[in-house]
Amino acid sequence: MGRGRQKAKHTKIARELKSYSPDVNFSALESELGHPTSDDQYVDKWADLYADEDEEELERA
């Protein structure tokens, strides 16, 4: 493929991408990113998976 054809192809693709606007379901996005409705929003759900650094130091001593 010559340079002219390659540049024309890239230009065509760039124009298509520039004018592309996908359909967005904002209600689904809001529910996915929204605030949690439960009362334990401040509870660290990953806390039980890892030991605290302070506890490790106490165990070593």
N, C-alpha and C. Protein backbone atom coordinates (compact mmCIF):
# COMPACT_ATOMS: atom_id res chain seq x y z
N MET A 1 0.84 -1.16 0.00
CA MET A 1 0.00 0.00 0.00
C MET A 1 0.90 1.24 0.00
N GLY A 2 0.59 2.18 -0.87
CA GLY A 2 1.39 3.39 -0.94
C GLY A 2 1.10 4.32 0.21
N ARG A 3 1.96 5.31 0.37
CA ARG A 3 1.82 6.26 1.48
C ARG A 3 0.52 7.06 1.35
N GLY A 4 0.12 7.39 0.13
CA GLY A 4 -1.12 8.15 -0.07
C GLY A 4 -2.34 7.39 0.38
N ARG A 5 -2.41 6.11 0.04
CA ARG A 5 -3.55 5.29 0.45
C ARG A 5 -3.56 5.10 1.97
N GLN A 6 -2.39 4.89 2.53
CA GLN A 6 -2.28 4.66 3.97
C GLN A 6 -2.73 5.92 4.73
N LYS A 7 -2.29 7.08 4.26
CA LYS A 7 -2.67 8.33 4.92
C LYS A 7 -4.17 8.56 4.77
N ALA A 8 -4.73 8.27 3.62
CA ALA A 8 -6.17 8.45 3.40
C ALA A 8 -6.97 7.53 4.31
N LYS A 9 -6.47 6.31 4.49
CA LYS A 9 -7.16 5.35 5.36
C LYS A 9 -7.13 5.84 6.81
N HIS A 10 -5.97 6.31 7.26
CA HIS A 10 -5.85 6.82 8.62
C HIS A 10 -6.72 8.06 8.82
N THR A 11 -6.80 8.92 7.82
CA THR A 11 -7.64 10.11 7.91
C THR A 11 -9.10 9.72 8.01
N LYS A 12 -9.51 8.73 7.23
CA LYS A 12 -10.90 8.26 7.27
C LYS A 12 -11.24 7.70 8.64
N ILE A 13 -10.35 6.89 9.19
CA ILE A 13 -10.57 6.29 10.51
C ILE A 13 -10.62 7.37 11.58
N ALA A 14 -9.73 8.37 11.47
CA ALA A 14 -9.70 9.46 12.45
C ALA A 14 -11.01 10.24 12.42
N ARG A 15 -11.53 10.50 11.24
CA ARG A 15 -12.81 11.21 11.12
C ARG A 15 -13.95 10.40 11.74
N GLU A 16 -13.96 9.08 11.51
CA GLU A 16 -15.00 8.23 12.08
C GLU A 16 -14.93 8.23 13.60
N LEU A 17 -13.72 8.16 14.14
CA LEU A 17 -13.56 8.14 15.59
C LEU A 17 -13.94 9.48 16.21
N LYS A 18 -13.64 10.57 15.49
CA LYS A 18 -13.95 11.90 16.00
C LYS A 18 -15.46 12.11 16.11
N SER A 19 -16.20 11.60 15.17
CA SER A 19 -17.64 11.81 15.17
C SER A 19 -18.39 10.70 15.90
N TYR A 20 -17.69 9.70 16.41
CA TYR A 20 -18.31 8.57 17.08
C TYR A 20 -18.80 8.99 18.46
N SER A 21 -20.06 8.73 18.76
CA SER A 21 -20.58 8.97 20.11
C SER A 21 -21.39 7.74 20.52
N PRO A 22 -20.85 6.95 21.43
CA PRO A 22 -21.53 5.72 21.83
C PRO A 22 -22.77 6.01 22.66
N ASP A 23 -23.70 5.08 22.65
CA ASP A 23 -24.89 5.18 23.49
C ASP A 23 -24.51 4.81 24.91
N VAL A 24 -24.86 5.68 25.85
CA VAL A 24 -24.50 5.45 27.24
C VAL A 24 -25.78 5.32 28.06
N ASN A 25 -25.85 4.26 28.83
CA ASN A 25 -26.97 4.06 29.74
C ASN A 25 -26.59 4.71 31.08
N PHE A 26 -27.01 5.97 31.25
CA PHE A 26 -26.59 6.72 32.43
C PHE A 26 -27.20 6.19 33.72
N SER A 27 -28.38 5.62 33.66
CA SER A 27 -28.98 5.08 34.89
C SER A 27 -28.20 3.86 35.38
N ALA A 28 -27.74 3.02 34.46
CA ALA A 28 -26.93 1.87 34.86
C ALA A 28 -25.58 2.32 35.39
N LEU A 29 -25.02 3.34 34.76
CA LEU A 29 -23.74 3.87 35.22
C LEU A 29 -23.87 4.49 36.60
N GLU A 30 -24.95 5.21 36.82
CA GLU A 30 -25.18 5.82 38.13
C GLU A 30 -25.33 4.77 39.22
N SER A 31 -26.06 3.70 38.92
CA SER A 31 -26.24 2.66 39.93
C SER A 31 -24.94 1.92 40.20
N GLU A 32 -24.11 1.78 39.18
CA GLU A 32 -22.83 1.09 39.37
C GLU A 32 -21.84 1.94 40.16
N LEU A 33 -21.84 3.25 39.91
CA LEU A 33 -20.88 4.13 40.57
C LEU A 33 -21.47 4.84 41.78
N GLY A 34 -22.75 4.64 42.04
CA GLY A 34 -23.44 5.34 43.10
C GLY A 34 -22.96 4.98 44.48
N HIS A 35 -23.45 5.72 45.44
CA HIS A 35 -23.10 5.48 46.83
C HIS A 35 -23.77 4.22 47.33
N PRO A 36 -23.10 3.47 48.19
CA PRO A 36 -23.72 2.26 48.73
C PRO A 36 -24.92 2.63 49.62
N THR A 37 -25.91 1.79 49.59
CA THR A 37 -27.11 2.06 50.36
C THR A 37 -27.07 1.45 51.75
N SER A 38 -26.12 0.60 52.02
CA SER A 38 -26.05 -0.05 53.33
C SER A 38 -25.37 0.86 54.35
N ASP A 39 -25.52 0.51 55.63
CA ASP A 39 -24.94 1.32 56.70
C ASP A 39 -23.45 1.06 56.89
N ASP A 40 -22.93 -0.02 56.33
CA ASP A 40 -21.52 -0.31 56.52
C ASP A 40 -20.68 0.25 55.37
N GLN A 41 -20.94 1.48 54.98
CA GLN A 41 -20.15 2.07 53.91
C GLN A 41 -18.74 2.42 54.37
N TYR A 42 -18.55 2.53 55.70
CA TYR A 42 -17.23 2.87 56.23
C TYR A 42 -16.45 1.65 56.69
N VAL A 43 -17.01 0.48 56.53
CA VAL A 43 -16.34 -0.74 56.93
C VAL A 43 -15.41 -1.18 55.80
N ASP A 44 -14.18 -1.49 56.15
CA ASP A 44 -13.21 -1.94 55.16
C ASP A 44 -13.45 -3.40 54.85
N LYS A 45 -13.95 -3.67 53.64
CA LYS A 45 -14.29 -5.05 53.30
C LYS A 45 -13.06 -5.90 53.04
N TRP A 46 -11.88 -5.29 52.90
CA TRP A 46 -10.66 -6.05 52.65
C TRP A 46 -9.80 -6.20 53.91
N ALA A 47 -10.27 -5.68 55.04
CA ALA A 47 -9.46 -5.67 56.26
C ALA A 47 -9.11 -7.07 56.75
N ASP A 48 -9.98 -8.03 56.55
CA ASP A 48 -9.72 -9.38 57.06
C ASP A 48 -8.73 -10.16 56.20
N LEU A 49 -8.47 -9.69 55.01
CA LEU A 49 -7.58 -10.43 54.13
C LEU A 49 -6.10 -10.22 54.45
N TYR A 50 -5.77 -9.08 55.03
CA TYR A 50 -4.37 -8.76 55.27
C TYR A 50 -4.16 -8.42 56.74
N ALA A 51 -3.03 -8.83 57.27
CA ALA A 51 -2.70 -8.51 58.66
C ALA A 51 -2.19 -7.09 58.73
N ASP A 52 -2.47 -6.42 59.84
CA ASP A 52 -1.96 -5.07 60.04
C ASP A 52 -0.47 -5.12 60.30
N GLU A 53 0.22 -4.05 59.93
CA GLU A 53 1.67 -4.00 60.14
C GLU A 53 2.01 -3.97 61.62
N ASP A 54 1.17 -3.29 62.41
CA ASP A 54 1.42 -3.22 63.86
C ASP A 54 1.33 -4.60 64.50
N GLU A 55 0.36 -5.39 64.07
CA GLU A 55 0.20 -6.72 64.62
C GLU A 55 1.38 -7.63 64.26
N GLU A 56 1.93 -7.45 63.07
CA GLU A 56 3.09 -8.24 62.66
C GLU A 56 4.30 -7.91 63.50
N GLU A 57 4.48 -6.61 63.83
CA GLU A 57 5.62 -6.21 64.65
C GLU A 57 5.49 -6.77 66.07
N LEU A 58 4.29 -6.80 66.60
CA LEU A 58 4.07 -7.35 67.94
C LEU A 58 4.34 -8.84 67.98
N GLU A 59 4.01 -9.54 66.91
CA GLU A 59 4.24 -10.98 66.85
C GLU A 59 5.73 -11.30 66.76
N ARG A 60 6.49 -10.45 66.11
CA ARG A 60 7.94 -10.67 65.95
C ARG A 60 8.68 -10.42 67.26
N ALA A 61 8.15 -9.53 68.10
CA ALA A 61 8.85 -9.15 69.33
C ALA A 61 8.76 -10.20 70.39
